[in-house]
Amino acid sequence: MTIAGIVAQLRAHPVATVLELGSVLVCCLLFAGTFVLLSSGVPTGRGDPWLALIGVGVAFVLFWTVLVPLYERTL
């Protein structure tokens, strides 16, 4: 498949493209954030960066397991 064919498929489904590319970006950011936080050592105090990372992960999982299936049912 050529690059033009891939671009045509992506343009045919813009919402799916945004969701998939956004998911890849969030996964990469979660991985990088986890790596950075692990390299910074054990959290002291409340550990706000860890809570933020966990919150983003939870929101990502809830989005794909709850919101997307509900949206697909309404189509």
Foldseek 3Di string as FASTA:
>chain_A
DDPVVVVVVCVVPVVVNCVVVVLVVLVVVLVVLVVVVVVVDDDDDPPVSVVVSVVSVVVSVCCVPPVVVVVVVVD
